[in-house]
Amino acid sequence: MTERTWTLIGADGKPYASDRPGTLGGHRKNRIYGRLDCPGALRWIALGHYVKQRVFFLDEATAIAAGYRPCAVCLPEEYKHWKAGQTGR
């Protein structure tokens, strides 16, 4: 049996090989992360966009450490907290 590897983005923002798939997807250019079933991301993917900039994260803590923000569509509560933190700066 062949072992499967996935390329994920680490907390340092650099790609690495993982034996586990990512639990979150992101957009490298916009620095947004969200659920793999995010309707907004899936809509863009279906239109042929987004794929070249698609990245994956093992977990939310890693996405945040890499400098990505939560998606307002599929993670509205996390986005609300992130937005509140931005206005408090």
N, C-alpha and C. Protein backbone atom coordinates (compact mmCIF):
# COMPACT_ATOMS: atom_id res chain seq x y z
N MET A 1 0.84 -1.18 0.00
CA MET A 1 0.00 0.00 0.00
C MET A 1 0.89 1.25 0.00
N THR A 2 0.56 2.21 -0.81
CA THR A 2 1.31 3.45 -0.91
C THR A 2 0.81 4.45 0.12
N GLU A 3 1.75 5.08 0.83
CA GLU A 3 1.36 6.10 1.80
C GLU A 3 1.02 7.38 1.06
N ARG A 4 0.01 8.04 1.51
CA ARG A 4 -0.43 9.29 0.89
C ARG A 4 0.15 10.45 1.68
N THR A 5 0.60 11.47 1.00
CA THR A 5 1.04 12.68 1.68
C THR A 5 0.30 13.88 1.12
N TRP A 6 0.12 14.87 1.95
CA TRP A 6 -0.53 16.11 1.58
C TRP A 6 0.44 17.26 1.83
N THR A 7 0.29 18.31 1.09
CA THR A 7 1.10 19.51 1.31
C THR A 7 0.25 20.51 2.07
N LEU A 8 0.71 20.86 3.25
CA LEU A 8 0.00 21.81 4.10
C LEU A 8 0.87 23.04 4.31
N ILE A 9 0.28 24.09 4.85
CA ILE A 9 1.01 25.29 5.20
C ILE A 9 1.21 25.28 6.72
N GLY A 10 2.44 25.50 7.14
CA GLY A 10 2.75 25.52 8.57
C GLY A 10 2.56 26.89 9.18
N ALA A 11 2.77 26.97 10.49
CA ALA A 11 2.63 28.24 11.21
C ALA A 11 3.59 29.30 10.70
N ASP A 12 4.70 28.86 10.08
CA ASP A 12 5.67 29.80 9.52
C ASP A 12 5.29 30.26 8.12
N GLY A 13 4.15 29.76 7.61
CA GLY A 13 3.68 30.14 6.28
C GLY A 13 4.31 29.35 5.15
N LYS A 14 5.16 28.39 5.48
CA LYS A 14 5.84 27.60 4.46
C LYS A 14 5.18 26.23 4.30
N PRO A 15 5.19 25.68 3.09
CA PRO A 15 4.58 24.37 2.86
C PRO A 15 5.43 23.25 3.45
N TYR A 16 4.75 22.17 3.85
CA TYR A 16 5.42 20.97 4.33
C TYR A 16 4.57 19.75 4.01
N ALA A 17 5.21 18.60 3.92
CA ALA A 17 4.51 17.34 3.64
C ALA A 17 3.93 16.81 4.93
N SER A 18 2.71 16.31 4.86
CA SER A 18 2.03 15.77 6.04
C SER A 18 1.40 14.43 5.70
N ASP A 19 1.36 13.54 6.68
CA ASP A 19 0.68 12.26 6.48
C ASP A 19 -0.81 12.38 6.78
N ARG A 20 -1.24 13.57 7.23
CA ARG A 20 -2.66 13.83 7.50
C ARG A 20 -3.16 14.95 6.59
N PRO A 21 -4.38 14.85 6.09
CA PRO A 21 -4.91 15.92 5.25
C PRO A 21 -5.26 17.14 6.09
N GLY A 22 -5.36 18.27 5.44
CA GLY A 22 -5.76 19.48 6.14
C GLY A 22 -7.21 19.45 6.53
N THR A 23 -7.54 20.15 7.59
CA THR A 23 -8.93 20.24 8.03
C THR A 23 -9.56 21.57 7.61
N LEU A 24 -8.69 22.50 7.15
CA LEU A 24 -9.16 23.82 6.70
C LEU A 24 -8.48 24.17 5.39
N GLY A 25 -9.20 24.90 4.56
CA GLY A 25 -8.63 25.39 3.31
C GLY A 25 -8.42 26.88 3.40
N GLY A 26 -7.58 27.39 2.52
CA GLY A 26 -7.34 28.83 2.54
C GLY A 26 -7.01 29.35 1.15
N HIS A 27 -6.93 30.66 1.07
CA HIS A 27 -6.57 31.34 -0.17
C HIS A 27 -5.30 32.13 0.11
N ARG A 28 -4.21 31.72 -0.56
CA ARG A 28 -2.89 32.29 -0.28
C ARG A 28 -2.85 33.81 -0.50
N LYS A 29 -3.40 34.29 -1.60
CA LYS A 29 -3.33 35.72 -1.92
C LYS A 29 -4.14 36.57 -0.95
N ASN A 30 -5.36 36.13 -0.64
CA ASN A 30 -6.24 36.90 0.25
C ASN A 30 -6.00 36.61 1.73
N ARG A 31 -5.22 35.57 2.02
CA ARG A 31 -4.87 35.18 3.39
C ARG A 31 -6.12 34.94 4.25
N ILE A 32 -7.03 34.15 3.68
CA ILE A 32 -8.27 33.77 4.35
C ILE A 32 -8.26 32.26 4.53
N TYR A 33 -8.78 31.77 5.64
CA TYR A 33 -8.95 30.32 5.82
C TYR A 33 -10.40 30.03 6.20
N GLY A 34 -10.85 28.81 5.88
CA GLY A 34 -12.21 28.41 6.21
C GLY A 34 -12.39 26.92 6.09
N ARG A 35 -13.61 26.48 6.29
CA ARG A 35 -13.94 25.06 6.21
C ARG A 35 -13.76 24.56 4.78
N LEU A 36 -13.48 23.28 4.64
CA LEU A 36 -13.31 22.70 3.31
C LEU A 36 -14.61 22.70 2.52
N ASP A 37 -15.74 22.76 3.21
CA ASP A 37 -17.05 22.79 2.54
C ASP A 37 -17.64 24.20 2.47
N CYS A 38 -16.79 25.22 2.59
CA CYS A 38 -17.27 26.60 2.55
C CYS A 38 -17.99 26.89 1.24
N PRO A 39 -19.24 27.35 1.28
CA PRO A 39 -19.97 27.61 0.05
C PRO A 39 -19.31 28.70 -0.82
N GLY A 40 -18.71 29.69 -0.17
CA GLY A 40 -18.04 30.74 -0.94
C GLY A 40 -16.86 30.21 -1.72
N ALA A 41 -16.01 29.43 -1.06
CA ALA A 41 -14.84 28.85 -1.73
C ALA A 41 -15.27 27.86 -2.81
N LEU A 42 -16.25 27.03 -2.51
CA LEU A 42 -16.70 26.03 -3.49
C LEU A 42 -17.30 26.70 -4.73
N ARG A 43 -17.97 27.82 -4.53
CA ARG A 43 -18.53 28.56 -5.67
C ARG A 43 -17.40 29.06 -6.58
N TRP A 44 -16.35 29.64 -5.98
CA TRP A 44 -15.22 30.14 -6.76
C TRP A 44 -14.47 29.00 -7.45
N ILE A 45 -14.31 27.89 -6.76
CA ILE A 45 -13.64 26.72 -7.35
C ILE A 45 -14.43 26.22 -8.55
N ALA A 46 -15.76 26.15 -8.41
CA ALA A 46 -16.62 25.69 -9.51
C ALA A 46 -16.50 26.59 -10.73
N LEU A 47 -16.21 27.87 -10.52
CA LEU A 47 -16.05 28.81 -11.63
C LEU A 47 -14.64 28.78 -12.22
N GLY A 48 -13.79 27.93 -11.65
CA GLY A 48 -12.44 27.81 -12.17
C GLY A 48 -11.43 28.75 -11.55
N HIS A 49 -11.84 29.44 -10.50
CA HIS A 49 -10.94 30.36 -9.80
C HIS A 49 -10.45 29.70 -8.52
N TYR A 50 -9.60 30.39 -7.80
CA TYR A 50 -9.24 30.01 -6.44
C TYR A 50 -8.23 28.87 -6.37
N VAL A 51 -8.30 27.90 -7.28
CA VAL A 51 -7.52 26.66 -7.16
C VAL A 51 -6.02 26.92 -7.11
N LYS A 52 -5.50 27.81 -7.93
CA LYS A 52 -4.06 28.06 -7.93
C LYS A 52 -3.58 28.69 -6.63
N GLN A 53 -4.46 29.36 -5.92
CA GLN A 53 -4.10 30.02 -4.66
C GLN A 53 -4.53 29.20 -3.43
N ARG A 54 -5.06 28.00 -3.66
CA ARG A 54 -5.60 27.17 -2.58
C ARG A 54 -4.47 26.59 -1.74
N VAL A 55 -4.61 26.69 -0.43
CA VAL A 55 -3.68 26.10 0.53
C VAL A 55 -4.49 25.38 1.59
N PHE A 56 -3.82 24.54 2.38
CA PHE A 56 -4.51 23.76 3.40
C PHE A 56 -3.77 23.84 4.72
N PHE A 57 -4.53 23.77 5.81
CA PHE A 57 -3.99 23.84 7.16
C PHE A 57 -4.46 22.65 7.96
N LEU A 58 -3.61 22.21 8.89
CA LEU A 58 -3.97 21.11 9.76
C LEU A 58 -5.04 21.54 10.75
N ASP A 59 -4.95 22.78 11.23
CA ASP A 59 -5.92 23.26 12.22
C ASP A 59 -5.98 24.79 12.21
N GLU A 60 -6.93 25.31 12.97
CA GLU A 60 -7.16 26.75 12.99
C GLU A 60 -5.98 27.51 13.60
N ALA A 61 -5.38 26.96 14.66
CA ALA A 61 -4.24 27.63 15.30
C ALA A 61 -3.10 27.84 14.30
N THR A 62 -2.86 26.87 13.44
CA THR A 62 -1.80 26.99 12.45
C THR A 62 -2.14 28.06 11.42
N ALA A 63 -3.39 28.10 10.98
CA ALA A 63 -3.81 29.11 10.00
C ALA A 63 -3.63 30.51 10.56
N ILE A 64 -4.01 30.70 11.81
CA ILE A 64 -3.88 32.01 12.46
C ILE A 64 -2.41 32.37 12.61
N ALA A 65 -1.60 31.42 13.06
CA ALA A 65 -0.17 31.67 13.24
C ALA A 65 0.51 32.03 11.92
N ALA A 66 0.00 31.49 10.81
CA ALA A 66 0.56 31.78 9.50
C ALA A 66 0.08 33.12 8.96
N GLY A 67 -0.79 33.81 9.70
CA GLY A 67 -1.23 35.14 9.30
C GLY A 67 -2.51 35.18 8.49
N TYR A 68 -3.30 34.12 8.54
CA TYR A 68 -4.56 34.06 7.80
C TYR A 68 -5.71 34.45 8.73
N ARG A 69 -6.77 35.00 8.13
CA ARG A 69 -7.95 35.39 8.91
C ARG A 69 -9.10 34.44 8.60
N PRO A 70 -10.07 34.32 9.51
CA PRO A 70 -11.21 33.44 9.26
C PRO A 70 -12.14 33.98 8.17
N CYS A 71 -12.79 33.07 7.49
CA CYS A 71 -13.76 33.40 6.44
C CYS A 71 -15.06 33.88 7.08
N ALA A 72 -15.59 34.97 6.57
CA ALA A 72 -16.84 35.53 7.09
C ALA A 72 -18.04 34.68 6.70
N VAL A 73 -17.91 33.88 5.63
CA VAL A 73 -19.04 33.08 5.15
C VAL A 73 -19.22 31.81 5.98
N CYS A 74 -18.16 31.02 6.13
CA CYS A 74 -18.31 29.72 6.79
C CYS A 74 -17.88 29.71 8.26
N LEU A 75 -17.20 30.76 8.70
CA LEU A 75 -16.77 30.87 10.10
C LEU A 75 -17.19 32.23 10.66
N PRO A 76 -18.49 32.53 10.65
CA PRO A 76 -18.93 33.88 11.02
C PRO A 76 -18.58 34.29 12.45
N GLU A 77 -18.63 33.37 13.41
CA GLU A 77 -18.29 33.72 14.79
C GLU A 77 -16.80 34.03 14.92
N GLU A 78 -15.97 33.18 14.31
CA GLU A 78 -14.52 33.42 14.36
C GLU A 78 -14.18 34.73 13.66
N TYR A 79 -14.87 35.00 12.53
CA TYR A 79 -14.64 36.24 11.79
C TYR A 79 -15.03 37.45 12.65
N LYS A 80 -16.16 37.34 13.34
CA LYS A 80 -16.64 38.42 14.19
C LYS A 80 -15.60 38.75 15.28
N HIS A 81 -15.03 37.71 15.90
CA HIS A 81 -14.00 37.93 16.92
C HIS A 81 -12.74 38.52 16.31
N TRP A 82 -12.35 38.04 15.14
CA TRP A 82 -11.17 38.57 14.46
C TRP A 82 -11.38 40.05 14.12
N LYS A 83 -12.54 40.38 13.59
CA LYS A 83 -12.87 41.75 13.20
C LYS A 83 -12.84 42.68 14.43
N ALA A 84 -13.39 42.20 15.54
CA ALA A 84 -13.40 43.01 16.76
C ALA A 84 -11.96 43.28 17.22
N GLY A 85 -11.09 42.31 17.08
CA GLY A 85 -9.69 42.49 17.43
C GLY A 85 -8.98 43.48 16.54
N GLN A 86 -9.40 43.56 15.28
CA GLN A 86 -8.79 44.50 14.34
C GLN A 86 -9.16 45.94 14.67
N THR A 87 -10.41 46.16 15.09
CA THR A 87 -10.84 47.52 15.39
C THR A 87 -10.28 48.00 16.72
N GLY A 88 -9.86 47.07 17.58
CA GLY A 88 -9.29 47.43 18.86
C GLY A 88 -7.81 47.76 18.79
N ARG A 89 -7.22 47.68 17.62
CA ARG A 89 -5.77 47.94 17.48
C ARG A 89 -5.48 49.41 17.36
